[in-house]
Protein backbone atom coordinates (compact mmCIF):
# COMPACT_ATOMS: atom_id res chain seq x y z
CA MET A 1 0.00 0.00 0.00
CA LEU A 2 1.06 3.57 -0.62
CA GLN A 3 1.76 5.69 2.45
CA THR A 4 1.13 9.41 2.76
CA PRO A 5 3.74 11.83 4.16
CA LEU A 6 1.69 11.89 7.39
CA HIS A 7 1.91 8.12 7.95
CA ARG A 8 4.22 8.44 10.97
CA PHE A 9 1.89 11.07 12.44
CA HIS A 10 -1.05 8.67 12.21
CA LEU A 11 0.83 5.87 13.98
CA ASP A 12 2.08 8.22 16.71
CA HIS A 13 -1.49 9.30 17.43
CA GLY A 14 -2.93 5.80 17.63
CA ALA A 15 -4.85 5.64 14.37
CA LYS A 16 -6.43 2.42 13.18
CA MET A 17 -5.05 2.10 9.65
CA VAL A 18 -6.94 0.57 6.71
CA GLU A 19 -6.49 0.20 2.96
CA PHE A 20 -8.34 2.80 0.88
CA ALA A 21 -7.89 3.14 -2.89
CA GLY A 22 -4.42 1.63 -2.61
CA TRP A 23 -3.35 3.86 0.29
CA GLU A 24 -2.84 3.05 3.96
CA MET A 25 -5.10 5.58 5.63
CA PRO A 26 -6.42 6.31 9.16
CA LEU A 27 -9.98 5.06 9.61
CA VAL A 28 -10.36 6.28 13.19
CA TYR A 29 -8.22 7.49 16.10
CA THR A 30 -10.64 7.38 19.04
CA SER A 31 -14.21 6.87 17.82
CA LEU A 32 -16.09 7.89 14.72
CA THR A 33 -18.75 9.73 16.70
CA GLU A 34 -16.21 11.61 18.81
CA GLU A 35 -14.24 12.73 15.76
CA HIS A 36 -17.43 13.72 13.93
CA ARG A 37 -18.57 15.90 16.83
CA GLN A 38 -15.07 17.34 17.24
CA THR A 39 -15.30 18.64 13.67
CA ARG A 40 -18.84 19.97 14.09
CA THR A 41 -18.05 21.82 17.34
CA SER A 42 -14.37 22.80 17.13
CA GLY A 43 -11.81 21.57 14.61
CA GLY A 44 -10.69 18.37 12.92
CA LEU A 45 -7.42 17.63 11.14
CA PHE A 46 -7.70 15.30 8.14
CA ASP A 47 -5.00 13.76 5.99
CA VAL A 48 -6.30 13.91 2.42
CA SER A 49 -2.96 13.24 0.74
CA HIS A 50 -4.45 10.21 -1.01
CA MET A 51 -6.35 12.61 -3.27
CA GLY A 52 -4.67 13.10 -6.65
CA ARG A 53 -3.02 16.44 -7.41
CA LEU A 54 -2.41 17.20 -11.09
CA ARG A 55 -0.60 20.31 -12.34
CA VAL A 56 -1.79 21.35 -15.79
CA THR A 57 0.36 23.90 -17.60
CA GLY A 58 0.99 25.26 -21.07
CA ARG A 59 -0.49 27.45 -23.76
CA HIS A 60 -3.68 25.39 -24.02
CA ALA A 61 -4.04 24.37 -20.38
CA ARG A 62 -7.29 26.28 -20.01
CA ARG A 63 -8.75 24.85 -23.22
CA LEU A 64 -7.84 21.33 -22.14
CA LEU A 65 -9.72 21.73 -18.86
CA GLU A 66 -12.58 23.53 -20.62
CA ARG A 67 -13.07 20.42 -22.77
CA ALA A 68 -12.66 17.97 -19.90
CA CYS A 69 -14.72 19.76 -17.22
CA THR A 70 -18.45 20.43 -17.13
CA ARG A 71 -17.92 23.81 -15.47
CA ARG A 72 -16.65 26.99 -17.10
CA ILE A 73 -12.92 27.53 -16.73
CA HIS A 74 -12.26 30.64 -18.83
CA ASP A 75 -13.94 33.07 -16.42
CA MET A 76 -12.10 31.81 -13.33
CA GLN A 77 -9.80 34.34 -11.69
CA SER A 78 -6.29 33.60 -10.47
CA GLY A 79 -6.62 32.39 -6.89
CA GLN A 80 -10.06 30.88 -7.47
CA CYS A 81 -11.17 27.24 -7.07
CA ARG A 82 -14.14 25.69 -8.81
CA TYR A 83 -15.95 22.38 -8.29
CA SER A 84 -16.65 20.48 -11.50
CA LEU A 85 -17.40 17.07 -12.96
CA VAL A 86 -15.45 15.15 -15.58
CA CYS A 87 -17.76 13.10 -17.81
CA ASN A 88 -17.43 10.27 -20.28
CA PRO A 89 -19.05 10.57 -23.74
CA ARG A 90 -22.27 8.99 -22.40
CA GLY A 91 -22.69 11.76 -19.81
CA GLY A 92 -21.69 9.50 -16.93
CA VAL A 93 -19.44 10.88 -14.21
CA MET A 94 -15.79 9.83 -14.39
CA ASP A 95 -14.97 11.92 -11.32
CA ASP A 96 -15.72 15.13 -9.48
CA VAL A 97 -12.77 17.50 -9.17
CA ILE A 98 -11.66 20.83 -7.76
CA VAL A 99 -9.85 23.09 -10.25
CA TYR A 100 -7.45 25.77 -8.94
CA ARG A 101 -6.53 28.57 -11.35
CA VAL A 102 -3.00 29.68 -10.50
CA ASP A 103 -2.48 31.72 -13.70
CA ASP A 104 -3.69 31.86 -17.29
CA ASP A 105 -1.58 28.85 -18.23
CA GLU A 106 -1.27 27.04 -14.89
CA PHE A 107 -3.93 25.05 -13.02
CA ILE A 108 -4.06 22.46 -10.26
CA VAL A 109 -6.72 19.76 -10.43
CA VAL A 110 -7.56 17.72 -7.32
CA VAL A 111 -9.13 14.36 -8.16
CA ASN A 112 -10.32 11.36 -6.17
CA ALA A 113 -7.70 8.80 -5.16
CA SER A 114 -9.35 5.88 -6.96
CA ASN A 115 -9.65 7.87 -10.21
CA ARG A 116 -6.23 9.54 -10.44
CA GLU A 117 -4.72 7.31 -13.13
CA LYS A 118 -7.98 7.19 -15.05
CA ILE A 119 -8.27 10.99 -15.15
CA VAL A 120 -4.62 11.39 -16.19
CA GLY A 121 -5.31 9.04 -19.11
CA HIS A 122 -8.56 10.80 -19.97
CA LEU A 123 -6.85 14.20 -20.06
CA ALA A 124 -4.24 12.74 -22.41
CA GLN A 125 -7.02 11.61 -24.74
CA VAL A 126 -8.74 15.00 -24.60
CA GLN A 127 -5.41 16.72 -25.22
CA GLY A 128 -4.76 14.50 -28.24
CA GLY A 129 -8.06 15.50 -29.81
CA LYS A 130 -9.78 12.11 -29.49
CA PHE A 131 -13.14 13.63 -28.60
CA HIS A 132 -12.96 16.76 -30.77
CA GLY A 133 -10.80 15.78 -33.73
CA ASP A 134 -9.18 19.17 -34.23
CA GLY A 135 -5.59 18.41 -33.33
CA GLU A 136 -3.47 18.19 -30.22
CA LEU A 137 -3.57 20.87 -27.54
CA MET A 138 -0.29 22.25 -26.21
CA ALA A 139 -0.45 21.40 -22.51
CA ARG A 140 1.35 19.27 -19.93
CA VAL A 141 -0.25 17.22 -17.15
CA ASP A 142 2.14 16.54 -14.27
CA ASP A 143 0.94 14.12 -11.59
CA GLN A 144 2.37 15.64 -8.40
CA THR A 145 0.56 13.37 -5.96
CA ALA A 146 3.65 11.45 -4.78
CA ARG A 147 5.69 14.64 -4.32
CA THR A 148 3.10 16.55 -2.31
CA ALA A 149 0.82 16.21 0.70
CA MET A 150 -2.65 17.58 1.37
CA VAL A 151 -4.25 18.22 4.73
CA ALA A 152 -7.61 19.67 5.72
CA LEU A 153 -8.52 21.65 8.82
CA GLN A 154 -12.30 21.74 9.22
CA GLY A 155 -14.62 23.10 11.90
CA PRO A 156 -16.27 26.25 13.28
CA LYS A 157 -13.20 27.30 15.29
CA VAL A 158 -10.61 26.64 12.58
CA MET A 159 -10.53 30.14 11.08
CA GLU A 160 -10.18 31.66 14.54
CA PHE A 161 -7.24 29.32 15.14
CA ILE A 162 -5.63 30.23 11.80
CA ALA A 163 -6.11 33.95 12.55
CA SER A 164 -3.65 33.55 15.43
CA PHE A 165 -0.78 33.20 12.94
CA SER A 166 -2.13 34.47 9.59
CA LYS A 167 -4.04 37.62 8.70
CA GLU A 168 -4.56 36.75 5.04
CA ILE A 169 -6.02 33.25 5.09
CA PRO A 170 -9.08 34.06 7.28
CA THR A 171 -10.02 36.81 4.79
CA LEU A 172 -10.23 34.37 1.88
CA LYS A 173 -13.68 33.92 0.39
CA ARG A 174 -15.10 30.45 -0.09
CA TYR A 175 -13.46 28.64 -2.98
CA ARG A 176 -10.50 31.00 -3.08
CA PHE A 177 -6.89 30.13 -2.33
CA ALA A 178 -3.64 31.82 -1.39
CA VAL A 179 -0.09 30.85 -2.29
CA LYS A 180 2.30 31.11 0.65
CA ASN A 181 6.05 30.62 0.79
CA LEU A 182 7.35 27.97 3.16
CA LEU A 183 11.11 28.55 3.01
CA ILE A 184 11.84 27.78 -0.68
CA ALA A 185 8.61 25.84 -1.25
CA LYS A 186 5.09 26.94 -2.16
CA LEU A 187 2.07 26.20 0.00
CA TYR A 188 -1.43 26.41 -1.50
CA VAL A 189 -4.16 27.10 1.06
CA SER A 190 -7.78 27.06 -0.12
CA ARG A 191 -11.00 27.79 1.73
CA THR A 192 -12.57 24.52 0.71
CA GLY A 193 -13.57 21.26 2.38
CA TYR A 194 -15.69 18.13 2.36
CA THR A 195 -17.40 18.25 5.75
CA GLY A 196 -20.03 20.98 5.55
CA GLU A 197 -17.98 23.13 7.93
CA ASP A 198 -15.79 26.16 7.32
CA GLY A 199 -12.10 25.48 7.03
CA VAL A 200 -9.14 25.12 4.71
CA GLU A 201 -7.26 22.56 2.67
CA ALA A 202 -3.52 22.92 2.12
CA ILE A 203 -1.24 21.42 -0.54
CA LEU A 204 2.48 21.37 0.28
CA PRO A 205 5.67 19.52 -0.69
CA ALA A 206 5.89 16.09 0.93
CA ASP A 207 9.31 16.74 2.44
CA MET A 208 8.04 19.86 4.20
CA VAL A 209 5.32 18.03 6.15
CA PRO A 210 7.23 17.48 9.45
CA MET A 211 8.22 21.13 9.71
CA ALA A 212 4.79 22.37 8.63
CA MET A 213 3.01 20.19 11.18
CA THR A 214 5.33 21.40 13.93
CA LEU A 215 4.71 25.04 13.02
CA LEU A 216 0.97 24.55 12.65
CA LEU A 217 0.35 22.65 15.87
CA ARG A 218 3.07 24.32 17.98
CA GLY A 219 3.13 21.81 20.80
CA MET A 220 -0.66 21.35 20.91
CA ASP A 221 -1.64 18.06 22.59
CA LEU A 222 -3.92 16.55 19.95
CA LYS A 223 -4.76 13.59 22.17
CA ALA A 224 -6.13 15.73 24.99
CA PRO A 225 -9.94 15.91 25.33
CA GLY A 226 -11.08 19.46 24.65
CA SER A 227 -8.17 20.21 22.31
CA LEU A 228 -9.08 22.85 19.73
CA ILE A 229 -7.80 20.61 16.92
CA ARG A 230 -7.81 16.82 16.94
CA PRO A 231 -6.98 14.31 14.18
CA CYS A 232 -9.92 12.64 12.45
CA GLY A 233 -10.13 9.63 10.16
CA LEU A 234 -11.94 8.52 7.04
CA GLY A 235 -14.92 7.26 9.04
CA ALA A 236 -15.84 10.70 10.35
CA ARG A 237 -15.08 12.30 7.00
CA ASP A 238 -17.72 10.07 5.42
CA THR A 239 -20.48 10.73 7.98
CA LEU A 240 -19.72 14.47 7.83
CA ARG A 241 -20.06 14.57 4.05
CA ILE A 242 -23.30 12.55 4.14
CA GLU A 243 -24.83 15.02 6.61
CA ALA A 244 -23.70 17.82 4.30
CA GLY A 245 -25.31 16.07 1.31
CA MET A 246 -22.04 15.92 -0.61
CA PRO A 247 -21.75 13.22 -3.30
CA LEU A 248 -18.97 10.63 -3.35
CA TYR A 249 -17.63 8.81 -6.37
CA GLY A 250 -18.73 5.19 -6.28
CA HIS A 251 -21.88 6.15 -4.39
CA GLU A 252 -23.76 9.17 -5.77
CA LEU A 253 -21.37 9.58 -8.71
CA GLY A 254 -20.25 7.00 -11.25
CA GLU A 255 -19.61 6.28 -14.91
CA GLU A 256 -23.06 4.72 -15.32
CA ILE A 257 -24.81 7.53 -13.43
CA ASP A 258 -26.12 10.44 -15.50
CA ALA A 259 -24.46 13.67 -14.36
CA LEU A 260 -27.78 15.54 -14.39
CA SER A 261 -29.27 13.24 -11.76
CA CYS A 262 -26.56 13.75 -9.10
CA GLY A 263 -27.84 16.92 -7.45
CA VAL A 264 -24.92 19.07 -8.60
CA GLY A 265 -26.53 20.81 -11.54
CA PHE A 266 -24.73 24.05 -10.58
CA ALA A 267 -21.51 22.37 -11.77
CA ILE A 268 -22.81 21.59 -15.26
CA SER A 269 -22.72 24.46 -17.78
CA LEU A 270 -24.63 23.27 -20.83
CA ASP A 271 -24.36 26.77 -22.33
CA LYS A 272 -20.55 26.95 -22.27
CA ALA A 273 -20.40 26.19 -26.01
CA ALA A 274 -21.44 29.78 -26.80
CA GLY A 275 -19.42 32.97 -26.75
CA GLU A 276 -15.82 34.00 -27.28
CA HIS A 277 -14.35 31.08 -25.31
CA ALA A 278 -16.76 28.45 -26.59
CA GLU A 279 -15.74 24.85 -25.94
CA ARG A 280 -17.83 21.71 -25.74
CA PHE A 281 -16.97 19.33 -22.94
CA VAL A 282 -16.86 15.56 -23.25
CA GLY A 283 -20.34 14.19 -22.55
CA MET A 284 -22.10 17.44 -23.38
CA ASP A 285 -23.96 15.95 -26.37
CA ALA A 286 -25.40 13.16 -24.23
CA LEU A 287 -26.46 15.52 -21.43
CA GLU A 288 -28.13 17.88 -23.88
CA LYS A 289 -30.18 14.98 -25.22
CA THR A 290 -31.12 13.88 -21.71
CA LYS A 291 -32.26 17.38 -20.79
CA ALA A 292 -34.21 17.81 -24.05
CA SER A 293 -36.06 14.54 -23.40
CA GLY A 294 -37.27 15.71 -19.99
CA GLY A 295 -34.25 15.02 -17.81
CA PRO A 296 -33.06 11.88 -16.03
CA ALA A 297 -35.61 9.35 -14.81
CA ARG A 298 -34.32 9.45 -11.23
CA GLU A 299 -33.11 12.17 -8.88
CA LEU A 300 -30.89 12.19 -5.83
CA VAL A 301 -32.83 12.82 -2.61
CA GLY A 302 -32.33 12.72 1.13
CA LEU A 303 -34.12 10.13 3.24
CA ALA A 304 -34.96 10.37 6.93
CA ILE A 305 -35.13 6.80 8.24
CA GLU A 306 -37.37 5.78 11.11
CA GLY A 307 -35.87 3.57 13.79
CA LYS A 308 -32.31 2.75 14.81
CA ARG A 309 -31.27 0.65 11.82
CA SER A 310 -29.35 2.46 9.11
CA ALA A 311 -29.91 2.11 5.38
CA ARG A 312 -26.84 1.09 3.43
CA GLN A 313 -25.60 1.49 -0.13
CA GLY A 314 -27.33 -0.83 -2.56
CA MET A 315 -30.54 -1.32 -0.58
CA GLY A 316 -33.70 -0.90 -2.64
CA VAL A 317 -36.19 1.90 -2.16
CA ARG A 318 -39.87 0.98 -2.49
CA HIS A 319 -43.23 2.74 -2.82
CA ALA A 320 -46.60 0.98 -2.76
CA GLY A 321 -44.86 -2.36 -3.09
CA ARG A 322 -42.76 -1.56 -6.16
CA GLY A 323 -39.09 -0.71 -6.55
CA VAL A 324 -38.54 2.99 -7.18
CA GLY A 325 -34.89 3.58 -6.36
CA THR A 326 -31.64 2.62 -4.68
CA VAL A 327 -29.81 3.86 -1.58
CA THR A 328 -26.38 5.31 -2.38
CA SER A 329 -25.12 6.25 1.12
CA GLY A 330 -26.46 5.98 4.64
CA CYS A 331 -25.38 6.35 8.26
CA PRO A 332 -26.60 7.09 11.77
CA SER A 333 -26.18 10.87 11.97
CA PRO A 334 -24.24 11.94 15.10
CA THR A 335 -25.47 15.51 14.68
CA LEU A 336 -29.15 14.80 14.08
CA GLY A 337 -29.48 11.74 16.30
CA ARG A 338 -31.28 9.68 13.68
CA CYS A 339 -30.49 7.57 10.62
CA ILE A 340 -30.20 9.33 7.27
CA ALA A 341 -29.49 8.26 3.72
CA MET A 342 -29.16 9.50 0.16
CA ALA A 343 -30.84 7.63 -2.68
CA PHE A 344 -31.77 7.83 -6.33
CA VAL A 345 -35.57 7.62 -6.67
CA ASP A 346 -38.05 8.03 -9.51
CA LYS A 347 -38.39 11.76 -10.09
CA ASP A 348 -42.17 11.75 -9.56
CA LEU A 349 -41.49 10.61 -5.97
CA ALA A 350 -38.61 13.01 -5.26
CA SER A 351 -40.70 15.70 -3.52
CA ALA A 352 -40.02 16.40 0.16
CA GLY A 353 -42.43 14.57 2.45
CA THR A 354 -43.03 11.58 0.17
CA ALA A 355 -43.35 8.39 2.20
CA LEU A 356 -41.10 5.55 1.02
CA SER A 357 -39.50 2.45 2.50
CA VAL A 358 -36.05 0.90 2.32
CA ASP A 359 -35.78 -2.83 1.67
CA THR A 360 -32.90 -4.27 3.71
CA GLY A 361 -32.89 -7.44 1.62
CA LYS A 362 -33.41 -9.52 4.74
CA GLY A 363 -37.18 -9.51 4.91
CA GLU A 364 -37.31 -6.15 6.69
CA THR A 365 -38.29 -2.69 5.49
CA LEU A 366 -37.35 0.62 7.04
CA PRO A 367 -39.96 3.42 6.89
CA ALA A 368 -38.52 6.58 5.34
CA ARG A 369 -39.57 9.93 3.97
CA VAL A 370 -37.96 12.26 1.45
CA VAL A 371 -36.28 15.32 2.98
CA PRO A 372 -34.33 18.19 1.37
CA LEU A 373 -30.57 17.99 0.96
CA PRO A 374 -28.34 18.82 2.71
CA PHE A 375 -29.38 17.29 6.02
CA TYR A 376 -27.05 19.71 7.82
CA LYS A 377 -25.82 23.19 7.01
CA ALA A 378 -23.36 25.02 9.24
CA GLY A 379 -25.07 27.68 11.34
CA LYS A 380 -28.58 26.36 10.62
């Protein structure tokens, strides 16, 4: 298994390590519920170095990403991040990504760990003109994952903590980033995250991690109860993102799942083929046809589950005795004190308040009702 630059840190802090997408990652340090609540009430430190980090440079870097991403790239400002999807020609989701615009001809693309090699290959095909047939674009894709680390600080007290040693970072708007100098290296700090809380994510050279962690934590006892910042594992990261209604590849997103059904329509610009910087993205033809025919047959919804048993991925959703959907993610919500789930259901049953049931596959059904996503929003 691959190890992140924070591997020693995880072992020193008692993490239970597991395999995830080829990486040895911390699942939990103390308990999932404790780490979840730590992030919701104060601050959690997450190692997200398993995520892929691709540097895209060159004369046609923007055009390459314009063709690969469902979101507009040309109107991004330097220092701005943007969430987008990468689709296959059928309109299925190959991955969801975060694009950082460093300059006109330099971008960073953060991709999911399990899709890194696939997206690198896909970008090479887009660059070579496979999907457009108008020649090769002048751009270079450099996979910097092994040479860098990425950590996330998430929680309502994180920005207050960061303000104690930085004036600039707390002033960043959401989905903006700053480039800081760490001796001779560059540190990218973005106001982004995957928990539903405020916070930052930082990309830095792998060999600078020990010094950066020392400077950041400055002798803080991360094992002490009540510590402002405590390390959190993949388990809490998953329950946090489910509460926040955020999709995950392999669950709410996938190559056989129509991008228009995933609840992230804001990240799909079907009108980006018009204007001075017109480019069609891969999968755009298929999505235009889907929209013209009335949209996808199923939509992503939230489910509030009655009782103590949680719905799990793959369980069927039923209405009046017939199958009408499938659960994509589910968990007992530490914040809400009840079981929640996300599911694709027939669009005529996707309205809030609709009574449904979840078939466990073991002769039991769980009463459920459709509720708006997200389940949780910071400050509300």
